[in-house]
Amino acid sequence: MPREATASACTPALDKAAVIVPLRPALVAFFLRRCGNAAEAEDLAQEVMLRALTHAEWSSAERAKSYIFRIAVNCWRDRGRRILTHGSVVDWNEELVQGVAEEKSPERVLSGKQELERIVIALRELGQRTRDIFVLCRLEKMKQADIAHLMGISVSAVGQHLAKALAHLAQRMKPDEYG
């Protein structure tokens, strides 16, 4: 008798696993669409399967699918709450760190400052209206038609001022002129 009791106790666990395991690819796809990270999607799918196996109390395969995907939604919400309270996890990328370190080198910062200084000098050499049009269009991202309306000139005049400013900057920013 104890032998039969043990066998019947194992049978439902095998049935539960038989229902859950085929849903694994769908769970991974569900999480992959949301997070875009295959490793995280696998981890979340495994967590759902573990929860489903430890708390499995369903009577049919259809109820099991519904229950499992409800767990998946809850698991996704839990992840969102964890990120809000603990921050997100970012994979370490040595190449990216090296690139950032190179971008912030003292030589690069000095070079950037010098280039910005040359741009400011070149802009000061322009006439007031041309400089204003350049700043409004390129820095403030205003449309040429809006600038024309604001300044009371034609759109083609705005385009001519902009072309003049760009040509002047291109000429002044030539590397051979400043070494």
Protein backbone atom coordinates (compact mmCIF):
# COMPACT_ATOMS: atom_id res chain seq x y z
CA MET A 1 0.00 0.00 0.00
CA PRO A 2 2.71 2.59 0.79
CA ARG A 3 4.28 1.85 -2.58
CA GLU A 4 1.05 2.71 -4.46
CA ALA A 5 0.59 5.90 -2.42
CA THR A 6 4.08 7.02 -3.37
CA ALA A 7 3.50 6.27 -7.06
CA SER A 8 0.18 8.13 -7.14
CA ALA A 9 1.75 11.12 -5.34
CA CYS A 10 4.44 11.33 -8.05
CA THR A 11 2.03 11.06 -10.97
CA PRO A 12 0.39 14.50 -10.53
CA ALA A 13 3.84 16.14 -10.34
CA LEU A 14 4.78 14.54 -13.66
CA ASP A 15 1.47 15.70 -15.15
CA LYS A 16 2.12 19.25 -13.92
CA ALA A 17 5.58 19.24 -15.46
CA ALA A 18 4.18 17.80 -18.69
CA VAL A 19 1.78 20.74 -18.89
CA ILE A 20 4.31 23.43 -17.92
CA VAL A 21 7.37 22.40 -19.96
CA PRO A 22 5.77 22.86 -23.42
CA LEU A 23 4.83 26.44 -22.43
CA ARG A 24 8.45 27.42 -21.80
CA PRO A 25 9.16 28.75 -25.37
CA ALA A 26 6.01 30.86 -25.24
CA LEU A 27 7.03 32.25 -21.84
CA VAL A 28 10.52 33.11 -23.10
CA ALA A 29 9.03 34.82 -26.15
CA PHE A 30 6.58 36.71 -23.91
CA PHE A 31 9.40 38.11 -21.77
CA LEU A 32 11.79 38.64 -24.68
CA ARG A 33 9.26 40.92 -26.40
CA ARG A 34 9.06 43.00 -23.25
CA CYS A 35 12.66 43.22 -22.04
CA GLY A 36 14.71 42.57 -25.20
CA ASN A 37 17.31 40.58 -23.24
CA ALA A 38 17.43 36.83 -23.94
CA ALA A 39 19.18 35.92 -20.68
CA GLU A 40 16.69 37.90 -18.60
CA ALA A 41 13.79 36.39 -20.53
CA GLU A 42 15.11 32.90 -19.78
CA ASP A 43 15.47 33.75 -16.07
CA LEU A 44 11.95 35.14 -15.88
CA ALA A 45 10.50 32.12 -17.69
CA GLN A 46 12.30 29.81 -15.28
CA GLU A 47 10.94 31.78 -12.33
CA VAL A 48 7.39 31.44 -13.70
CA MET A 49 7.83 27.69 -14.20
CA LEU A 50 9.16 27.29 -10.66
CA ARG A 51 6.24 29.26 -9.19
CA ALA A 52 3.78 27.25 -11.28
CA LEU A 53 5.22 23.94 -10.12
CA THR A 54 5.34 24.89 -6.45
CA HIS A 55 1.83 26.37 -6.37
CA ALA A 56 0.11 24.20 -8.96
CA GLU A 57 -3.55 23.70 -8.06
CA TRP A 58 -5.38 23.40 -11.35
CA SER A 59 -7.75 20.80 -12.65
CA SER A 60 -7.18 20.98 -16.43
CA ALA A 61 -4.49 21.91 -18.96
CA GLU A 62 -6.48 24.98 -20.05
CA ARG A 63 -6.66 26.25 -16.49
CA ALA A 64 -2.95 25.56 -16.15
CA LYS A 65 -2.13 27.73 -19.18
CA SER A 66 -4.28 30.55 -17.87
CA TYR A 67 -2.70 30.23 -14.42
CA ILE A 68 0.85 30.14 -15.80
CA PHE A 69 0.41 33.23 -17.95
CA ARG A 70 -1.18 35.06 -15.01
CA ILE A 71 1.98 34.19 -13.08
CA ALA A 72 4.05 35.54 -16.00
CA VAL A 73 2.19 38.86 -15.95
CA ASN A 74 2.64 39.11 -12.19
CA CYS A 75 6.31 38.20 -12.52
CA TRP A 76 6.75 40.98 -15.11
CA ARG A 77 5.04 43.46 -12.75
CA ASP A 78 7.27 42.32 -9.87
CA ARG A 79 10.30 42.95 -12.07
CA GLY A 80 9.06 46.47 -12.79
CA ARG A 81 8.62 47.17 -9.08
CA ARG A 82 12.09 45.76 -8.36
CA ILE A 83 13.62 48.05 -10.97
CA LEU A 84 11.84 51.06 -9.47
CA THR A 85 13.04 50.30 -5.96
CA HIS A 86 16.47 48.78 -6.61
CA GLY A 87 17.42 50.12 -10.03
CA SER A 88 18.02 48.16 -13.19
CA VAL A 89 20.82 45.73 -13.91
CA VAL A 90 23.11 46.59 -16.80
CA ASP A 91 25.50 44.14 -18.41
CA TRP A 92 29.14 45.17 -18.05
CA ASN A 93 30.69 46.06 -21.37
CA GLU A 94 34.47 46.55 -21.19
CA GLU A 95 34.66 48.05 -24.70
CA LEU A 96 32.02 50.65 -23.83
CA VAL A 97 33.84 51.56 -20.62
CA GLN A 98 37.10 51.94 -22.54
CA GLY A 99 35.35 54.14 -25.14
CA VAL A 100 33.89 56.40 -22.43
CA ALA A 101 37.28 56.66 -20.76
CA GLU A 102 38.87 57.68 -24.04
CA GLU A 103 36.10 60.20 -24.73
CA LYS A 104 36.72 61.96 -21.40
CA SER A 105 40.50 62.07 -21.64
CA PRO A 106 42.07 65.47 -20.79
CA GLU A 107 43.36 65.80 -24.34
CA ARG A 108 39.91 65.23 -25.78
CA VAL A 109 38.32 67.73 -23.38
CA LEU A 110 40.94 70.36 -24.24
CA SER A 111 40.48 69.70 -27.95
CA GLY A 112 36.72 70.09 -27.59
CA LYS A 113 37.10 73.37 -25.72
CA GLN A 114 39.45 74.72 -28.37
CA GLU A 115 37.08 73.72 -31.16
CA LEU A 116 34.16 75.36 -29.38
CA GLU A 117 36.22 78.51 -28.94
CA ARG A 118 36.95 78.56 -32.69
CA ILE A 119 33.23 78.18 -33.46
CA VAL A 120 32.32 81.06 -31.15
CA ILE A 121 34.96 83.29 -32.77
CA ALA A 122 33.70 82.34 -36.24
CA LEU A 123 30.09 83.09 -35.24
CA ARG A 124 31.12 86.51 -33.86
CA GLU A 125 32.62 87.33 -37.25
CA LEU A 126 29.19 86.98 -38.87
CA GLY A 127 26.70 89.81 -39.16
CA GLN A 128 24.07 90.03 -36.40
CA ARG A 129 21.15 88.91 -38.58
CA THR A 130 23.09 85.99 -40.11
CA ARG A 131 24.26 84.87 -36.67
CA ASP A 132 20.72 85.12 -35.24
CA ILE A 133 19.30 83.08 -38.12
CA PHE A 134 21.99 80.43 -37.71
CA VAL A 135 21.38 80.18 -33.94
CA LEU A 136 17.60 80.03 -34.34
CA CYS A 137 17.75 77.39 -37.05
CA ARG A 138 20.61 75.16 -35.92
CA LEU A 139 20.59 75.53 -32.16
CA GLU A 140 16.98 76.40 -31.38
CA LYS A 141 15.71 74.02 -34.12
CA MET A 142 13.22 76.57 -35.50
CA LYS A 143 11.86 76.08 -39.00
CA GLN A 144 13.05 78.47 -41.67
CA ALA A 145 9.46 79.60 -42.34
CA ASP A 146 9.02 80.51 -38.66
CA ILE A 147 12.30 82.42 -38.64
CA ALA A 148 11.26 84.28 -41.80
CA HIS A 149 7.95 85.25 -40.20
CA LEU A 150 9.65 86.30 -36.96
CA MET A 151 12.23 88.49 -38.75
CA GLY A 152 9.89 89.79 -41.43
CA ILE A 153 11.94 88.44 -44.33
CA SER A 154 11.37 85.78 -46.98
CA VAL A 155 12.11 82.10 -46.49
CA SER A 156 14.67 82.26 -49.30
CA ALA A 157 16.46 85.11 -47.49
CA VAL A 158 16.63 82.94 -44.38
CA GLY A 159 18.12 80.16 -46.52
CA GLN A 160 20.71 82.56 -47.95
CA HIS A 161 21.75 83.75 -44.48
CA LEU A 162 21.96 80.16 -43.29
CA ALA A 163 24.09 79.15 -46.31
CA LYS A 164 26.37 82.13 -45.70
CA ALA A 165 26.81 81.16 -42.02
CA LEU A 166 27.53 77.53 -42.84
CA ALA A 167 30.05 78.45 -45.54
CA HIS A 168 31.82 80.82 -43.16
CA LEU A 169 31.96 78.19 -40.38
CA ALA A 170 33.22 75.54 -42.79
CA GLN A 171 35.97 77.88 -43.99
CA ARG A 172 37.02 78.88 -40.46
CA MET A 173 36.97 75.30 -39.14
CA LYS A 174 39.40 73.91 -41.70
CA PRO A 175 42.09 72.01 -39.79
CA ASP A 176 44.98 73.41 -41.82
CA GLU A 177 44.13 76.90 -40.68
CA TYR A 178 44.57 76.09 -36.97
CA GLY A 179 47.12 73.35 -37.12
